[in-house]
C-alpha atoms as a PDB file:
ATOM      1  CA  MET A   1      25.542   2.766  13.072  1.00  0.00           C
ATOM      2  CA  THR A   2      25.940   6.387  14.190  1.00  0.00           C
ATOM      3  CA  GLN A   3      28.950   8.585  13.417  1.00  0.00           C
ATOM      4  CA  LYS A   4      29.971  12.221  13.667  1.00  0.00           C
ATOM      5  CA  ALA A   5      30.601  14.077  10.409  1.00  0.00           C
ATOM      6  CA  VAL A   6      31.207  17.538   9.001  1.00  0.00           C
ATOM      7  CA  VAL A   7      29.057  18.834   6.141  1.00  0.00           C
ATOM      8  CA  LYS A   8      31.276  19.773   3.189  1.00  0.00           C
ATOM      9  CA  ARG A   9      28.627  21.043   0.757  1.00  0.00           C
ATOM     10  CA  ARG A  10      24.929  20.899  -0.079  1.00  0.00           C
ATOM     11  CA  LEU A  11      23.754  18.838  -3.037  1.00  0.00           C
ATOM     12  CA  ASP A  12      20.488  18.712  -4.964  1.00  0.00           C
ATOM     13  CA  GLY A  13      17.538  16.682  -3.717  1.00  0.00           C
ATOM     14  CA  GLY A  14      17.934  17.347   0.016  1.00  0.00           C
ATOM     15  CA  ARG A  15      21.339  15.695   0.229  1.00  0.00           C
ATOM     16  CA  VAL A  16      24.685  16.807   1.630  1.00  0.00           C
ATOM     17  CA  GLU A  17      28.252  15.684   1.125  1.00  0.00           C
ATOM     18  CA  VAL A  18      29.794  14.829   4.497  1.00  0.00           C
ATOM     19  CA  GLU A  19      33.287  14.020   5.689  1.00  0.00           C
ATOM     20  CA  VAL A  20      33.337  11.183   8.202  1.00  0.00           C
ATOM     21  CA  GLU A  21      36.436  10.453  10.250  1.00  0.00           C
ATOM     22  CA  ARG A  22      37.369   6.780  10.268  1.00  0.00           C
ATOM     23  CA  VAL A  23      36.893   5.323  13.703  1.00  0.00           C
ATOM     24  CA  SER A  24      39.246   2.866  15.364  1.00  0.00           C
ATOM     25  CA  ALA A  25      38.692   0.207  17.985  1.00  0.00           C
ATOM     26  CA  CYS A  26      41.994   1.223  19.578  1.00  0.00           C
ATOM     27  CA  ALA A  27      41.800   2.230  23.243  1.00  0.00           C
ATOM     28  CA  HIS A  28      45.197   3.997  22.990  1.00  0.00           C
ATOM     29  CA  ASP A  29      46.731   1.855  25.736  1.00  0.00           C
ATOM     30  CA  CYS A  30      49.713   0.689  23.702  1.00  0.00           C
ATOM     31  CA  ASP A  31      51.670  -0.447  26.771  1.00  0.00           C
ATOM     32  CA  HIS A  32      49.095  -3.241  27.178  1.00  0.00           C
ATOM     33  CA  CYS A  33      48.806  -4.428  23.579  1.00  0.00           C
ATOM     34  CA  ALA A  34      52.194  -3.477  22.039  1.00  0.00           C
ATOM     35  CA  GLY A  35      50.638  -1.057  19.569  1.00  0.00           C
ATOM     36  CA  CYS A  36      48.408  -1.498  16.573  1.00  0.00           C
ATOM     37  CA  GLY A  37      49.478   1.160  14.120  1.00  0.00           C
ATOM     38  CA  SER A  38      46.737   3.583  15.160  1.00  0.00           C
ATOM     39  CA  MET A  39      49.202   6.434  14.841  1.00  0.00           C
ATOM     40  CA  VAL A  40      49.057   6.041  11.061  1.00  0.00           C
ATOM     41  CA  GLN A  41      46.992   8.842   9.559  1.00  0.00           C
ATOM     42  CA  THR A  42      44.005   7.640   7.554  1.00  0.00           C
ATOM     43  CA  ALA A  43      42.091   9.723   5.077  1.00  0.00           C
ATOM     44  CA  PRO A  44      38.533  10.667   6.026  1.00  0.00           C
ATOM     45  CA  VAL A  45      35.638   9.099   4.143  1.00  0.00           C
ATOM     46  CA  ILE A  46      33.598  11.384   1.888  1.00  0.00           C
ATOM     47  CA  ALA A  47      29.978  10.249   1.588  1.00  0.00           C
ATOM     48  CA  VAL A  48      26.553  11.531   0.561  1.00  0.00           C
ATOM     49  CA  ALA A  49      23.777  11.641   3.151  1.00  0.00           C
ATOM     50  CA  GLN A  50      20.076  12.466   3.046  1.00  0.00           C
ATOM     51  CA  ASP A  51      19.514  15.701   4.980  1.00  0.00           C
ATOM     52  CA  PRO A  52      15.961  16.275   6.225  1.00  0.00           C
ATOM     53  CA  LEU A  53      17.224  18.762   8.853  1.00  0.00           C
ATOM     54  CA  GLY A  54      18.840  21.381   6.573  1.00  0.00           C
ATOM     55  CA  ALA A  55      22.490  21.245   7.670  1.00  0.00           C
ATOM     56  CA  ARG A  56      24.858  23.973   6.470  1.00  0.00           C
ATOM     57  CA  PRO A  57      28.393  23.549   5.093  1.00  0.00           C
ATOM     58  CA  GLY A  58      30.943  23.406   7.926  1.00  0.00           C
ATOM     59  CA  GLN A  59      28.372  22.240  10.469  1.00  0.00           C
ATOM     60  CA  ARG A  60      29.021  19.134  12.570  1.00  0.00           C
ATOM     61  CA  VAL A  61      26.236  16.575  12.285  1.00  0.00           C
ATOM     62  CA  THR A  62      25.406  13.061  13.376  1.00  0.00           C
ATOM     63  CA  VAL A  63      24.803  10.636  10.508  1.00  0.00           C
ATOM     64  CA  GLU A  64      23.260   7.202  10.782  1.00  0.00           C
ATOM     65  CA  SER A  65      23.215   4.203   8.493  1.00  0.00           C
ATOM     66  CA  SER A  66      20.710   1.390   8.692  1.00  0.00           C
ATOM     67  CA  THR A  67      21.931  -1.427  10.919  1.00  0.00           C
ATOM     68  CA  GLY A  68      20.437  -4.149   8.760  1.00  0.00           C
ATOM     69  CA  GLN A  69      22.235  -2.959   5.658  1.00  0.00           C
ATOM     70  CA  THR A  70      25.545  -2.700   7.542  1.00  0.00           C
ATOM     71  CA  LEU A  71      25.171  -6.223   8.942  1.00  0.00           C
ATOM     72  CA  ALA A  72      24.321  -7.623   5.512  1.00  0.00           C
ATOM     73  CA  LEU A  73      27.425  -6.032   4.008  1.00  0.00           C
ATOM     74  CA  ALA A  74      29.596  -7.325   6.859  1.00  0.00           C
ATOM     75  CA  ALA A  75      28.196 -10.819   6.386  1.00  0.00           C
ATOM     76  CA  ALA A  76      28.925 -10.698   2.668  1.00  0.00           C
ATOM     77  CA  LEU A  77      32.417  -9.380   3.294  1.00  0.00           C
ATOM     78  CA  TYR A  78      33.413 -11.967   5.909  1.00  0.00           C
ATOM     79  CA  LEU A  79      31.214 -15.027   5.508  1.00  0.00           C
ATOM     80  CA  LEU A  80      31.269 -15.511   1.725  1.00  0.00           C
ATOM     81  CA  PRO A  81      35.079 -15.810   1.473  1.00  0.00           C
ATOM     82  CA  PHE A  82      35.125 -18.160   4.477  1.00  0.00           C
ATOM     83  CA  ALA A  83      32.457 -20.383   2.923  1.00  0.00           C
ATOM     84  CA  ALA A  84      34.344 -20.385  -0.391  1.00  0.00           C
ATOM     85  CA  LEU A  85      37.605 -21.303   1.373  1.00  0.00           C
ATOM     86  CA  PHE A  86      35.903 -24.161   3.204  1.00  0.00           C
ATOM     87  CA  ALA A  87      34.318 -25.444  -0.019  1.00  0.00           C
ATOM     88  CA  ALA A  88      37.701 -25.274  -1.799  1.00  0.00           C
ATOM     89  CA  TYR A  89      39.283 -27.242   1.040  1.00  0.00           C
ATOM     90  CA  LEU A  90      36.638 -29.967   0.737  1.00  0.00           C
ATOM     91  CA  LEU A  91      37.134 -30.144  -3.030  1.00  0.00           C
ATOM     92  CA  MET A  92      40.901 -30.382  -2.700  1.00  0.00           C
ATOM     93  CA  ALA A  93      40.666 -33.056   0.009  1.00  0.00           C
ATOM     94  CA  ARG A  94      38.579 -35.272  -2.277  1.00  0.00           C
ATOM     95  CA  ALA A  95      40.622 -34.664  -5.422  1.00  0.00           C
ATOM     96  CA  PRO A  96      43.328 -37.128  -6.489  1.00  0.00           C
ATOM     97  CA  GLU A  97      46.842 -36.144  -5.423  1.00  0.00           C
ATOM     98  CA  GLY A  98      48.002 -34.822  -8.801  1.00  0.00           C
ATOM     99  CA  VAL A  99      44.814 -32.857  -9.403  1.00  0.00           C
ATOM    100  CA  ALA A 100      44.569 -31.091  -6.018  1.00  0.00           C
ATOM    101  CA  ALA A 101      46.661 -28.113  -7.124  1.00  0.00           C
ATOM    102  CA  LEU A 102      44.507 -27.673 -10.238  1.00  0.00           C
ATOM    103  CA  VAL A 103      41.370 -27.876  -8.127  1.00  0.00           C
ATOM    104  CA  GLY A 104      42.812 -25.225  -5.779  1.00  0.00           C
ATOM    105  CA  VAL A 105      43.643 -22.836  -8.621  1.00  0.00           C
ATOM    106  CA  GLY A 106      40.257 -23.480 -10.235  1.00  0.00           C
ATOM    107  CA  ALA A 107      38.458 -22.829  -6.935  1.00  0.00           C
ATOM    108  CA  PHE A 108      40.382 -19.580  -6.473  1.00  0.00           C
ATOM    109  CA  LEU A 109      39.455 -18.400  -9.974  1.00  0.00           C
ATOM    110  CA  LEU A 110      35.843 -19.462  -9.462  1.00  0.00           C
ATOM    111  CA  VAL A 111      35.611 -17.455  -6.231  1.00  0.00           C
ATOM    112  CA  LEU A 112      37.303 -14.474  -7.849  1.00  0.00           C
ATOM    113  CA  VAL A 113      35.203 -14.409 -11.015  1.00  0.00           C
ATOM    114  CA  GLY A 114      31.991 -15.899  -9.655  1.00  0.00           C
ATOM    115  CA  VAL A 115      31.749 -14.219  -6.247  1.00  0.00           C
ATOM    116  CA  SER A 116      34.237 -11.428  -5.574  1.00  0.00           C
ATOM    117  CA  LEU A 117      33.926  -9.404  -8.770  1.00  0.00           C
ATOM    118  CA  PRO A 118      30.095  -9.526  -8.970  1.00  0.00           C
ATOM    119  CA  LEU A 119      29.870  -8.716  -5.248  1.00  0.00           C
ATOM    120  CA  ASP A 120      32.225  -5.762  -5.682  1.00  0.00           C
ATOM    121  CA  ARG A 121      30.151  -4.419  -8.589  1.00  0.00           C
ATOM    122  CA  HIS A 122      26.939  -4.842  -6.594  1.00  0.00           C
ATOM    123  CA  LEU A 123      28.349  -3.035  -3.552  1.00  0.00           C
ATOM    124  CA  ARG A 124      29.657  -0.141  -5.653  1.00  0.00           C
ATOM    125  CA  ARG A 125      26.191   0.379  -7.175  1.00  0.00           C
ATOM    126  CA  ARG A 126      24.359   0.014  -3.870  1.00  0.00           C
ATOM    127  CA  ALA A 127      26.373   1.949  -1.316  1.00  0.00           C
ATOM    128  CA  VAL A 128      25.349   2.273   2.318  1.00  0.00           C
ATOM    129  CA  SER A 129      22.778   5.041   2.653  1.00  0.00           C
ATOM    130  CA  LEU A 130      23.375   7.676   5.326  1.00  0.00           C
ATOM    131  CA  ARG A 131      20.893  10.066   6.897  1.00  0.00           C
ATOM    132  CA  VAL A 132      21.552  13.186   8.969  1.00  0.00           C
ATOM    133  CA  THR A 133      19.829  12.628  12.323  1.00  0.00           C
ATOM    134  CA  ALA A 134      21.099  15.536  14.450  1.00  0.00           C
ATOM    135  CA  LEU A 135      22.737  18.955  14.080  1.00  0.00           C
ATOM    136  CA  GLU A 136      25.476  20.026  16.468  1.00  0.00           C
ATOM    137  CA  GLY A 137      25.953  23.766  16.967  1.00  0.00           C
ATOM    138  CA  SER A 138      26.751  26.085  14.094  1.00  0.00           C
END
């Protein structure tokens, strides 16, 4: 995935802190889709990128993240909750009538404690790695 960014400052070890504007899938043709809230201001993302090219603070750069890592994170974010929801549904469908609510609450807690929290901790430790791939002007 490639994005435009602005270098905020240089860090040790050949790294830079960059500010990446959040991108939107909006085509800005609100008369066709009745609006999506794209007019809401979102804060830029501050990230750290490897800089083999020697970018200077204030310089616009192109940063790239590995596609495989991005796809793996997207799969974890979207597919794991769906699989857990489907499994909870199957458990509740097979449970006796009076126990179904308990099974539902138990499945929710199991997903929260057993999947969501460990996944969140893992993703915080292992953030997406960015790399400066091109410098744009000065």
